Amino acid sequence: MFKEVIDEGSRFSSENLQLVTFELSGEEFGVDIMQVSEIIPVPRITRIPQAPACIKGLINLRGKILVVIDLNKRLEFSSKETNSLSRIIIVEVKDTVLGMLVNSVKEIMSLPFSSIQQPPEMIKSKINAEYLKGVGKMGSRLIILLNLARVLGEEEIEELSELSFPEEIALTE
């Protein structure tokens, strides 16, 4: 039933969804592991003048310049100071590679499709409903499943792809 909603081009076992779970403002979120390329400690982030509040800045990841989004700010949660538990999750959204700043990464887990439900109306009012794929139950835990393609709109993804530069760009352009 819910499997079709989750499967928007992701690969998964026939019974489970593989997730990377992380914390934002005391809540647990998850994203499809197939969208995650790596998880890194927070390096030095270069701020971008006049960038939207949710854009934390730019990082240099092995010669490639990537935009970092502060998910707390994007989801309109109270922002926390970066600390030793903070991580950047490197993801690919519609052919654009970017970093998502989160408070901490919890675990990589396998969540049975049977334990995923549509988000209740109360959660939909707290977070823009289009950002959500569903809510997973794992014992007493509730994991909010994010739809990364919708957390950022089409225009924003296009703008972010223009801010990210491959290492081959010549300085004379």
Protein backbone atom coordinates (compact mmCIF):
# COMPACT_ATOMS: atom_id res chain seq x y z
CA MET A 1 0.00 0.00 0.00
CA PHE A 2 2.44 2.68 1.18
CA LYS A 3 5.34 1.19 -0.80
CA GLU A 4 4.21 2.95 -4.01
CA VAL A 5 4.24 6.36 -2.32
CA ILE A 6 7.77 5.83 -1.00
CA ASP A 7 9.15 4.43 -4.26
CA GLU A 8 9.79 7.55 -6.29
CA GLY A 9 12.83 6.12 -8.03
CA SER A 10 14.48 4.76 -4.88
CA ARG A 11 15.91 1.27 -4.60
CA PHE A 12 14.95 -0.85 -1.63
CA SER A 13 14.36 -4.39 -0.53
CA SER A 14 10.87 -5.66 -1.22
CA GLU A 15 9.89 -5.50 2.46
CA ASN A 16 11.95 -2.65 3.97
CA LEU A 17 13.01 0.93 3.37
CA GLN A 18 16.66 1.67 4.17
CA LEU A 19 16.99 4.99 6.01
CA VAL A 20 19.55 7.37 7.44
CA THR A 21 17.97 8.85 10.57
CA PHE A 22 18.95 12.15 12.14
CA GLU A 23 17.81 14.65 14.76
CA LEU A 24 16.48 18.16 14.25
CA SER A 25 15.22 20.18 17.24
CA GLY A 26 14.55 17.07 19.30
CA GLU A 27 12.62 15.22 16.55
CA GLU A 28 13.82 12.18 14.61
CA PHE A 29 13.77 12.32 10.81
CA GLY A 30 14.75 9.87 8.11
CA VAL A 31 15.71 9.98 4.44
CA ASP A 32 16.08 7.21 1.89
CA ILE A 33 19.66 5.93 2.08
CA MET A 34 19.83 5.81 -1.72
CA GLN A 35 19.83 9.64 -1.78
CA VAL A 36 22.75 9.85 0.68
CA SER A 37 26.30 9.65 -0.63
CA GLU A 38 28.12 10.31 2.66
CA ILE A 39 27.94 11.81 6.14
CA ILE A 40 30.72 14.15 7.27
CA PRO A 41 31.65 16.18 10.35
CA VAL A 42 30.98 19.88 9.88
CA PRO A 43 33.97 21.56 8.18
CA ARG A 44 34.50 25.30 7.86
CA ILE A 45 31.45 26.76 6.11
CA THR A 46 31.86 29.92 4.01
CA ARG A 47 28.81 32.15 4.25
CA ILE A 48 27.19 33.55 1.11
CA PRO A 49 26.17 37.23 1.24
CA GLN A 50 22.43 37.86 0.91
CA ALA A 51 21.63 34.13 0.71
CA PRO A 52 18.28 32.90 2.05
CA ALA A 53 18.33 32.11 5.79
CA CYS A 54 18.19 28.34 5.22
CA ILE A 55 21.44 28.38 3.20
CA LYS A 56 24.26 28.00 5.70
CA GLY A 57 26.97 28.54 3.07
CA LEU A 58 29.50 26.65 0.97
CA ILE A 59 31.95 23.86 1.74
CA ASN A 60 34.86 22.42 -0.21
CA LEU A 61 34.43 18.65 -0.36
CA ARG A 62 37.49 17.13 -1.99
CA GLY A 63 37.73 19.93 -4.56
CA LYS A 64 34.00 20.27 -5.25
CA ILE A 65 32.12 23.29 -3.89
CA LEU A 66 28.78 22.30 -2.33
CA VAL A 67 25.93 24.34 -0.90
CA VAL A 68 24.93 23.49 2.69
CA ILE A 69 21.30 23.84 3.75
CA ASP A 70 20.44 24.22 7.46
CA LEU A 71 17.47 21.85 7.74
CA ASN A 72 16.41 23.35 11.07
CA LYS A 73 15.91 26.72 9.40
CA ARG A 74 14.40 25.24 6.23
CA LEU A 75 11.77 23.38 8.25
CA GLU A 76 11.27 26.47 10.45
CA PHE A 77 12.51 24.85 13.66
CA SER A 78 14.62 26.78 16.12
CA SER A 79 18.22 26.64 14.97
CA LYS A 80 20.91 25.16 17.20
CA GLU A 81 24.57 26.01 17.37
CA THR A 82 26.82 23.57 15.54
CA ASN A 83 28.57 21.20 17.97
CA SER A 84 30.63 18.00 17.94
CA LEU A 85 27.53 15.90 17.17
CA SER A 86 26.44 18.05 14.20
CA ARG A 87 26.86 16.46 10.79
CA ILE A 88 26.43 17.30 7.15
CA ILE A 89 24.60 14.69 5.14
CA ILE A 90 25.65 14.84 1.49
CA VAL A 91 22.63 14.07 -0.69
CA GLU A 92 21.63 14.16 -4.33
CA VAL A 93 18.32 15.83 -5.11
CA LYS A 94 17.28 15.94 -8.77
CA ASP A 95 20.88 15.73 -10.04
CA THR A 96 22.10 18.41 -7.60
CA VAL A 97 24.54 17.39 -4.86
CA LEU A 98 24.25 19.40 -1.65
CA GLY A 99 24.84 19.17 2.07
CA MET A 100 22.17 19.14 4.76
CA LEU A 101 23.24 20.36 8.19
CA VAL A 102 21.59 18.31 10.96
CA ASN A 103 21.97 18.31 14.76
CA SER A 104 23.16 14.68 14.81
CA VAL A 105 22.95 11.47 12.81
CA LYS A 106 21.26 8.69 14.75
CA GLU A 107 21.65 5.52 12.69
CA ILE A 108 21.25 3.68 9.44
CA MET A 109 18.23 1.43 9.74
CA SER A 110 15.85 -0.81 7.88
CA LEU A 111 12.20 0.13 8.36
CA PRO A 112 9.47 -2.33 7.31
CA PHE A 113 6.97 -0.80 4.88
CA SER A 114 4.20 -2.18 7.07
CA SER A 115 5.27 0.23 9.84
CA ILE A 116 5.03 3.36 7.65
CA GLN A 117 1.85 5.41 7.75
CA GLN A 118 0.61 8.65 6.25
CA PRO A 119 1.45 11.63 8.52
CA PRO A 120 -1.34 12.63 10.93
CA GLU A 121 -3.01 16.01 10.41
CA MET A 122 -1.29 17.40 13.53
CA ILE A 123 2.16 16.84 12.00
CA LYS A 124 1.02 18.15 8.62
CA SER A 125 0.14 21.45 10.27
CA LYS A 126 3.56 21.67 11.98
CA ILE A 127 5.58 20.96 8.83
CA ASN A 128 4.54 21.65 5.26
CA ALA A 129 2.82 18.35 4.31
CA GLU A 130 4.50 18.18 0.91
CA TYR A 131 7.87 17.73 2.66
CA LEU A 132 6.72 14.44 4.19
CA LYS A 133 6.62 10.92 2.80
CA GLY A 134 5.17 9.43 5.95
CA VAL A 135 5.82 8.49 9.55
CA GLY A 136 7.59 5.28 10.49
CA LYS A 137 7.01 3.47 13.78
CA MET A 138 9.88 1.51 15.30
CA GLY A 139 8.91 0.33 18.77
CA SER A 140 8.09 3.51 20.71
CA ARG A 141 9.97 5.71 18.21
CA LEU A 142 8.31 7.80 15.52
CA ILE A 143 10.48 8.71 12.53
CA ILE A 144 9.31 11.48 10.19
CA LEU A 145 10.25 10.53 6.62
CA LEU A 146 11.29 13.53 4.52
CA ASN A 147 10.78 13.93 0.80
CA LEU A 148 14.03 15.71 -0.11
CA ALA A 149 12.85 16.56 -3.61
CA ARG A 150 10.10 18.67 -2.07
CA VAL A 151 11.97 20.14 0.91
CA LEU A 152 13.56 22.35 -1.72
CA GLY A 153 11.41 23.60 -4.59
CA GLU A 154 12.34 23.24 -8.27
CA GLU A 155 13.58 26.84 -8.50
CA GLU A 156 15.68 26.50 -5.35
CA ILE A 157 17.30 23.29 -6.59
CA GLU A 158 18.17 24.98 -9.87
CA GLU A 159 19.65 27.98 -8.02
CA LEU A 160 21.65 25.68 -5.74
CA SER A 161 23.05 23.74 -8.69
CA GLU A 162 24.36 27.06 -10.05
CA LEU A 163 26.10 27.77 -6.71
CA SER A 164 27.83 24.35 -6.65
CA PHE A 165 30.95 24.23 -8.75
CA PRO A 166 32.91 21.23 -10.05
CA GLU A 167 36.65 21.31 -9.45
CA GLU A 168 37.34 21.77 -13.19
CA ILE A 169 35.93 25.33 -13.40
CA ALA A 170 38.57 27.73 -14.62
CA LEU A 171 39.00 30.97 -12.75
CA THR A 172 39.07 32.91 -16.04
CA GLU A 173 35.41 32.22 -16.89
